[in-house]
C-alpha cells in the first residue's frame, strides 16, 4: 500500500527543475493577469525603481528598496493563493473562518506595504526635499 501511495504522490511532484520553474512562472503570470492589486504594486515598483535611477540612490538604498518591492509582490501572490484556496475549501459559501483567513492574509500584505512606504520615505524624502528646496 505504501508503494502505491508513493507512486500517486510522484504524479503531482515536479520531475525536473525546469518543470518547477515553469510552474512557478505560470503562477506569477497568472497572478499578474488576474490580480488587480498586484498590478498596482507593480506600477508602484516601477515608479520607485525609476525614482531610484533618477536620484542615483546608493547600493544599500537599492537593497532596501528591492527588499520592500519583492516582499510586497511575494506577499500579494501568497495572499491571492490563500484567497483561492479558502474559496475552494469553503465552496464559495460564507464562513467566519474563511473570512478570518482571508482578512489576515490581506493584513500581512498591508503590513508589508506600510514597510515599503516607510522605506520609500526614508530613501526618497530627503532627496525630494533637497531637490525642491
N, C-alpha and C. Protein backbone atom coordinates (compact mmCIF):
# COMPACT_ATOMS: atom_id res chain seq x y z
N UNK A 1 0.82 -1.20 0.00
CA UNK A 1 0.00 0.00 0.00
C UNK A 1 0.87 1.27 0.00
N UNK A 2 1.93 1.25 0.80
CA UNK A 2 2.80 2.41 0.87
C UNK A 2 3.46 2.69 -0.47
N UNK A 3 3.82 1.62 -1.19
CA UNK A 3 4.43 1.79 -2.51
C UNK A 3 3.45 2.44 -3.48
N UNK A 4 2.19 2.03 -3.42
CA UNK A 4 1.16 2.60 -4.29
C UNK A 4 0.95 4.08 -3.96
N UNK A 5 0.92 4.44 -2.67
CA UNK A 5 0.78 5.83 -2.26
C UNK A 5 1.96 6.66 -2.78
N UNK A 6 3.13 6.07 -2.71
CA UNK A 6 4.33 6.75 -3.18
C UNK A 6 4.25 7.06 -4.67
N UNK A 7 3.73 6.13 -5.46
CA UNK A 7 3.59 6.35 -6.90
C UNK A 7 2.59 7.45 -7.21
N UNK A 8 1.49 7.50 -6.47
CA UNK A 8 0.49 8.53 -6.72
C UNK A 8 1.03 9.90 -6.33
N UNK A 9 1.88 9.96 -5.32
CA UNK A 9 2.47 11.24 -4.94
C UNK A 9 3.42 11.75 -6.03
N UNK A 10 4.14 10.84 -6.68
CA UNK A 10 5.09 11.25 -7.71
C UNK A 10 4.40 11.89 -8.91
N UNK A 11 3.17 11.54 -9.18
CA UNK A 11 2.45 12.13 -10.30
C UNK A 11 2.32 13.64 -10.12
N UNK A 12 2.23 14.09 -8.90
CA UNK A 12 1.99 15.51 -8.63
C UNK A 12 3.27 16.28 -8.36
N UNK A 13 4.37 15.58 -8.18
CA UNK A 13 5.63 16.27 -7.92
C UNK A 13 6.26 16.73 -9.22
N UNK A 14 6.99 17.83 -9.16
CA UNK A 14 7.73 18.29 -10.33
C UNK A 14 8.89 17.33 -10.57
N UNK A 15 9.01 16.88 -11.78
CA UNK A 15 10.05 15.89 -12.09
C UNK A 15 11.41 16.54 -12.33
N UNK A 16 11.43 17.77 -12.78
CA UNK A 16 12.70 18.43 -13.09
C UNK A 16 12.68 19.86 -12.55
N UNK A 17 13.86 20.43 -12.48
CA UNK A 17 13.97 21.84 -12.08
C UNK A 17 13.27 22.71 -13.12
N UNK A 18 13.37 22.33 -14.37
CA UNK A 18 12.72 23.09 -15.44
C UNK A 18 11.20 23.13 -15.25
N UNK A 19 10.61 21.98 -14.91
CA UNK A 19 9.16 21.98 -14.71
C UNK A 19 8.78 22.78 -13.47
N UNK A 20 9.61 22.75 -12.43
CA UNK A 20 9.35 23.57 -11.24
C UNK A 20 9.36 25.05 -11.61
N UNK A 21 10.36 25.45 -12.38
CA UNK A 21 10.47 26.84 -12.81
C UNK A 21 9.29 27.23 -13.69
N UNK A 22 8.89 26.34 -14.58
CA UNK A 22 7.76 26.61 -15.47
C UNK A 22 6.47 26.83 -14.67
N UNK A 23 6.21 25.97 -13.67
CA UNK A 23 5.01 26.13 -12.86
C UNK A 23 5.06 27.43 -12.05
N UNK A 24 6.24 27.76 -11.52
CA UNK A 24 6.38 28.99 -10.74
C UNK A 24 6.12 30.21 -11.62
N UNK A 25 6.69 30.22 -12.81
CA UNK A 25 6.47 31.34 -13.72
C UNK A 25 5.01 31.43 -14.16
N UNK A 26 4.37 30.29 -14.35
CA UNK A 26 2.94 30.28 -14.69
C UNK A 26 2.14 30.91 -13.56
N UNK A 27 2.51 30.61 -12.32
CA UNK A 27 1.82 31.21 -11.18
C UNK A 27 1.99 32.72 -11.13
N UNK A 28 3.19 33.19 -11.41
CA UNK A 28 3.45 34.63 -11.42
C UNK A 28 2.64 35.31 -12.52
N UNK A 29 2.67 34.74 -13.72
CA UNK A 29 1.93 35.32 -14.85
C UNK A 29 0.43 35.32 -14.55
N UNK A 30 -0.08 34.23 -13.98
CA UNK A 30 -1.50 34.16 -13.62
C UNK A 30 -1.85 35.27 -12.62
N UNK A 31 -1.01 35.45 -11.62
CA UNK A 31 -1.26 36.49 -10.62
C UNK A 31 -1.27 37.88 -11.26
N UNK A 32 -0.33 38.12 -12.16
CA UNK A 32 -0.27 39.43 -12.83
C UNK A 32 -1.53 39.66 -13.67
N UNK A 33 -1.98 38.63 -14.37
CA UNK A 33 -3.16 38.76 -15.22
C UNK A 33 -4.45 38.94 -14.43
N UNK A 34 -4.56 38.25 -13.29
CA UNK A 34 -5.84 38.16 -12.60
C UNK A 34 -5.98 39.04 -11.36
N UNK A 35 -4.88 39.51 -10.81
CA UNK A 35 -4.97 40.23 -9.53
C UNK A 35 -4.73 41.73 -9.72
N UNK A 36 -5.78 42.50 -9.52
CA UNK A 36 -5.73 43.95 -9.70
C UNK A 36 -4.71 44.59 -8.76
N UNK A 37 -4.69 44.16 -7.49
CA UNK A 37 -3.77 44.76 -6.52
C UNK A 37 -2.32 44.51 -6.90
N UNK A 38 -2.03 43.36 -7.47
CA UNK A 38 -0.66 43.07 -7.89
C UNK A 38 -0.23 44.04 -8.99
N UNK A 39 -1.15 44.36 -9.88
CA UNK A 39 -0.83 45.33 -10.93
C UNK A 39 -0.50 46.69 -10.32
N UNK A 40 -1.22 47.08 -9.28
CA UNK A 40 -0.94 48.34 -8.59
C UNK A 40 0.44 48.30 -7.93
N UNK A 41 0.76 47.18 -7.31
CA UNK A 41 2.07 47.04 -6.67
C UNK A 41 3.19 47.08 -7.72
N UNK A 42 2.96 46.48 -8.87
CA UNK A 42 3.98 46.51 -9.93
C UNK A 42 4.17 47.92 -10.47
N UNK A 43 3.09 48.67 -10.59
CA UNK A 43 3.21 50.07 -11.01
C UNK A 43 4.00 50.88 -9.98
N UNK A 44 3.70 50.67 -8.71
CA UNK A 44 4.45 51.34 -7.64
C UNK A 44 5.93 50.96 -7.69
N UNK A 45 6.20 49.69 -7.96
CA UNK A 45 7.59 49.23 -8.06
C UNK A 45 8.31 49.92 -9.22
N UNK A 46 7.61 50.07 -10.33
CA UNK A 46 8.19 50.75 -11.49
C UNK A 46 8.50 52.22 -11.17
N UNK A 47 7.57 52.88 -10.49
CA UNK A 47 7.77 54.28 -10.10
C UNK A 47 8.95 54.40 -9.13
N UNK A 48 9.01 53.52 -8.13
CA UNK A 48 10.09 53.56 -7.15
C UNK A 48 11.44 53.28 -7.81
N UNK A 49 11.47 52.33 -8.73
CA UNK A 49 12.71 52.00 -9.43
C UNK A 49 13.16 53.17 -10.31
N UNK A 50 12.22 53.79 -10.99
CA UNK A 50 12.54 54.97 -11.80
C UNK A 50 13.07 56.10 -10.93
N UNK A 51 12.45 56.30 -9.78
CA UNK A 51 12.93 57.33 -8.84
C UNK A 51 14.34 56.99 -8.34
N UNK A 52 14.58 55.71 -8.09
CA UNK A 52 15.91 55.29 -7.64
C UNK A 52 16.97 55.60 -8.68
N UNK A 53 16.64 55.37 -9.94
CA UNK A 53 17.58 55.69 -11.03
C UNK A 53 17.78 57.20 -11.13
N UNK A 54 16.68 57.95 -11.07
CA UNK A 54 16.74 59.41 -11.18
C UNK A 54 17.60 60.02 -10.07
N UNK A 55 17.40 59.54 -8.84
CA UNK A 55 18.12 60.10 -7.69
C UNK A 55 19.47 59.43 -7.45
N UNK A 56 19.82 58.45 -8.27
CA UNK A 56 21.10 57.76 -8.16
C UNK A 56 21.34 57.28 -6.71
N UNK A 57 20.40 56.47 -6.22
CA UNK A 57 20.49 56.01 -4.83
C UNK A 57 21.65 55.03 -4.66
N UNK A 58 22.11 54.91 -3.43
CA UNK A 58 23.27 54.06 -3.12
C UNK A 58 22.91 52.58 -3.21
N UNK A 59 23.94 51.74 -3.19
CA UNK A 59 23.73 50.29 -3.24
C UNK A 59 22.90 49.82 -2.04
N UNK A 60 23.15 50.37 -0.88
CA UNK A 60 22.39 50.00 0.31
C UNK A 60 20.92 50.41 0.17
N UNK A 61 20.69 51.59 -0.38
CA UNK A 61 19.32 52.03 -0.61
C UNK A 61 18.62 51.13 -1.63
N UNK A 62 19.34 50.73 -2.67
CA UNK A 62 18.77 49.80 -3.65
C UNK A 62 18.39 48.49 -2.97
N UNK A 63 19.25 48.03 -2.08
CA UNK A 63 18.99 46.77 -1.38
C UNK A 63 17.69 46.85 -0.60
N UNK A 64 17.52 47.92 0.18
CA UNK A 64 16.30 48.07 0.96
C UNK A 64 15.08 48.31 0.07
N UNK A 65 15.25 49.06 -1.00
CA UNK A 65 14.14 49.32 -1.92
C UNK A 65 13.67 48.02 -2.57
N UNK A 66 14.60 47.23 -3.09
CA UNK A 66 14.22 45.97 -3.73
C UNK A 66 13.68 44.96 -2.72
N UNK A 67 14.20 44.97 -1.50
CA UNK A 67 13.65 44.10 -0.46
C UNK A 67 12.18 44.43 -0.25
N UNK A 68 11.87 45.70 -0.11
CA UNK A 68 10.48 46.12 0.09
C UNK A 68 9.61 45.75 -1.11
N UNK A 69 10.10 46.01 -2.31
CA UNK A 69 9.34 45.72 -3.52
C UNK A 69 9.04 44.23 -3.64
N UNK A 70 10.08 43.41 -3.52
CA UNK A 70 9.89 41.97 -3.73
C UNK A 70 9.07 41.33 -2.63
N UNK A 71 9.21 41.81 -1.39
CA UNK A 71 8.39 41.25 -0.32
C UNK A 71 6.92 41.58 -0.50
N UNK A 72 6.61 42.79 -0.91
CA UNK A 72 5.21 43.16 -1.15
C UNK A 72 4.64 42.31 -2.28
N UNK A 73 5.38 42.17 -3.37
CA UNK A 73 4.89 41.38 -4.50
C UNK A 73 4.72 39.92 -4.10
N UNK A 74 5.70 39.36 -3.40
CA UNK A 74 5.61 37.96 -2.96
C UNK A 74 4.42 37.76 -2.04
N UNK A 75 4.22 38.66 -1.08
CA UNK A 75 3.09 38.52 -0.16
C UNK A 75 1.76 38.69 -0.88
N UNK A 76 1.70 39.54 -1.87
CA UNK A 76 0.46 39.70 -2.64
C UNK A 76 0.13 38.41 -3.39
N UNK A 77 1.14 37.74 -3.92
CA UNK A 77 0.91 36.47 -4.61
C UNK A 77 0.46 35.41 -3.60
N UNK A 78 1.10 35.37 -2.43
CA UNK A 78 0.68 34.42 -1.39
C UNK A 78 -0.75 34.72 -0.95
N UNK A 79 -1.08 36.00 -0.78
CA UNK A 79 -2.43 36.39 -0.40
C UNK A 79 -3.45 35.90 -1.43
N UNK A 80 -3.13 36.06 -2.70
CA UNK A 80 -4.03 35.59 -3.75
C UNK A 80 -4.20 34.08 -3.70
N UNK A 81 -3.11 33.37 -3.45
CA UNK A 81 -3.18 31.91 -3.33
C UNK A 81 -4.04 31.51 -2.14
N UNK A 82 -3.86 32.18 -1.01
CA UNK A 82 -4.68 31.89 0.18
C UNK A 82 -6.15 32.13 -0.13
N UNK A 83 -6.46 33.25 -0.76
CA UNK A 83 -7.85 33.54 -1.10
C UNK A 83 -8.45 32.47 -2.01
N UNK A 84 -7.69 32.02 -2.99
CA UNK A 84 -8.19 30.98 -3.89
C UNK A 84 -8.42 29.66 -3.17
N UNK A 85 -7.49 29.28 -2.31
CA UNK A 85 -7.63 28.02 -1.57
C UNK A 85 -8.80 28.10 -0.60
N UNK A 86 -8.95 29.24 0.07
CA UNK A 86 -10.07 29.41 1.01
C UNK A 86 -11.40 29.35 0.26
N UNK A 87 -11.48 30.03 -0.88
CA UNK A 87 -12.71 29.97 -1.68
C UNK A 87 -13.02 28.53 -2.10
N UNK A 88 -12.00 27.80 -2.51
CA UNK A 88 -12.19 26.41 -2.91
C UNK A 88 -12.66 25.56 -1.73
N UNK A 89 -12.00 25.74 -0.59
CA UNK A 89 -12.34 24.93 0.59
C UNK A 89 -13.73 25.25 1.13
N UNK A 90 -14.12 26.52 1.05
CA UNK A 90 -15.43 26.91 1.58
C UNK A 90 -16.52 26.79 0.53
N UNK A 91 -16.14 26.36 -0.66
CA UNK A 91 -17.07 26.23 -1.78
C UNK A 91 -17.84 27.52 -2.03
N UNK A 92 -17.18 28.63 -1.84
CA UNK A 92 -17.72 29.97 -2.08
C UNK A 92 -18.92 30.31 -1.19
N UNK A 93 -19.06 29.60 -0.07
CA UNK A 93 -20.08 29.93 0.91
C UNK A 93 -19.44 30.72 2.03
N UNK A 94 -20.21 31.64 2.62
CA UNK A 94 -19.65 32.44 3.71
C UNK A 94 -19.31 31.56 4.90
N UNK A 95 -18.15 31.80 5.44
CA UNK A 95 -17.69 31.14 6.65
C UNK A 95 -16.86 32.15 7.42
N UNK A 96 -17.09 32.24 8.72
CA UNK A 96 -16.32 33.19 9.52
C UNK A 96 -14.83 32.81 9.51
N UNK A 97 -14.52 31.51 9.52
CA UNK A 97 -13.11 31.09 9.46
C UNK A 97 -12.49 31.47 8.12
N UNK A 98 -13.24 31.31 7.05
CA UNK A 98 -12.75 31.70 5.73
C UNK A 98 -12.49 33.20 5.70
N UNK A 99 -13.40 33.97 6.25
CA UNK A 99 -13.24 35.43 6.30
C UNK A 99 -12.00 35.81 7.10
N UNK A 100 -11.82 35.16 8.26
CA UNK A 100 -10.64 35.45 9.08
C UNK A 100 -9.35 35.16 8.33
N UNK A 101 -9.30 34.01 7.67
CA UNK A 101 -8.09 33.63 6.93
C UNK A 101 -7.78 34.65 5.84
N UNK A 102 -8.80 35.05 5.09
CA UNK A 102 -8.60 36.00 4.01
C UNK A 102 -8.22 37.38 4.54
N UNK A 103 -8.87 37.80 5.63
CA UNK A 103 -8.55 39.10 6.22
C UNK A 103 -7.13 39.13 6.77
N UNK A 104 -6.71 38.05 7.43
CA UNK A 104 -5.35 38.00 7.97
C UNK A 104 -4.31 38.01 6.86
N UNK A 105 -4.59 37.29 5.81
CA UNK A 105 -3.68 37.26 4.67
C UNK A 105 -3.56 38.65 4.04
N UNK A 106 -4.68 39.33 3.88
CA UNK A 106 -4.67 40.70 3.36
C UNK A 106 -3.96 41.64 4.33
N UNK A 107 -4.12 41.39 5.62
CA UNK A 107 -3.44 42.20 6.63
C UNK A 107 -1.93 42.08 6.53
N UNK A 108 -1.44 40.90 6.22
CA UNK A 108 0.00 40.71 6.05
C UNK A 108 0.53 41.55 4.89
N UNK A 109 -0.24 41.62 3.82
CA UNK A 109 0.16 42.46 2.68
C UNK A 109 0.15 43.93 3.09
N UNK A 110 -0.84 44.34 3.86
CA UNK A 110 -0.92 45.72 4.32
C UNK A 110 0.29 46.08 5.19
N UNK A 111 0.65 45.20 6.11
CA UNK A 111 1.81 45.46 6.98
C UNK A 111 3.08 45.62 6.13
N UNK A 112 3.26 44.73 5.18
CA UNK A 112 4.45 44.80 4.33
C UNK A 112 4.42 46.04 3.45
N UNK A 113 3.23 46.43 3.00
CA UNK A 113 3.10 47.64 2.19
C UNK A 113 3.46 48.88 3.01
N UNK A 114 3.08 48.89 4.28
CA UNK A 114 3.47 50.00 5.16
C UNK A 114 4.99 50.07 5.29
N UNK A 115 5.63 48.91 5.44
CA UNK A 115 7.09 48.87 5.48
C UNK A 115 7.67 49.46 4.19
N UNK A 116 7.08 49.11 3.06
CA UNK A 116 7.57 49.60 1.77
C UNK A 116 7.42 51.12 1.67
N UNK A 117 6.30 51.64 2.13
CA UNK A 117 6.08 53.09 2.11
C UNK A 117 7.09 53.79 3.01
N UNK A 118 7.29 53.27 4.21
CA UNK A 118 8.27 53.86 5.13
C UNK A 118 9.67 53.81 4.53
N UNK A 119 10.02 52.69 3.93
CA UNK A 119 11.33 52.56 3.27
C UNK A 119 11.46 53.60 2.17
N UNK A 120 10.42 53.75 1.36
CA UNK A 120 10.44 54.75 0.30
C UNK A 120 10.60 56.16 0.84
N UNK A 121 9.90 56.46 1.92
CA UNK A 121 10.02 57.80 2.53
C UNK A 121 11.42 58.05 3.06
N UNK A 122 11.99 57.05 3.72
CA UNK A 122 13.35 57.21 4.27
C UNK A 122 14.36 57.44 3.14
N UNK A 123 14.19 56.75 2.04
CA UNK A 123 15.13 56.88 0.92
C UNK A 123 14.88 58.15 0.12
N UNK A 124 13.62 58.43 -0.21
CA UNK A 124 13.34 59.48 -1.18
C UNK A 124 12.97 60.84 -0.59
N UNK A 125 12.43 60.90 0.61
CA UNK A 125 12.02 62.20 1.18
C UNK A 125 13.18 63.19 1.26
N UNK A 126 14.34 62.80 1.80
CA UNK A 126 15.44 63.78 1.84
C UNK A 126 15.90 64.22 0.45
N UNK A 127 15.86 63.33 -0.51
CA UNK A 127 16.29 63.67 -1.87
C UNK A 127 15.28 64.61 -2.53
N UNK A 128 13.99 64.35 -2.31
CA UNK A 128 12.95 65.25 -2.83
C UNK A 128 13.04 66.62 -2.16
N UNK A 129 13.27 66.62 -0.87
CA UNK A 129 13.39 67.86 -0.11
C UNK A 129 14.54 68.70 -0.65
N UNK A 130 15.68 68.06 -0.88
CA UNK A 130 16.85 68.77 -1.41
C UNK A 130 16.60 69.28 -2.82
N UNK A 131 15.84 68.54 -3.59
CA UNK A 131 15.53 68.94 -4.96
C UNK A 131 14.60 70.15 -4.99
N UNK A 132 13.63 70.16 -4.08
CA UNK A 132 12.63 71.23 -4.06
C UNK A 132 13.17 72.50 -3.41
N UNK A 133 13.91 72.33 -2.32
CA UNK A 133 14.37 73.50 -1.55
C UNK A 133 15.83 73.64 -1.70
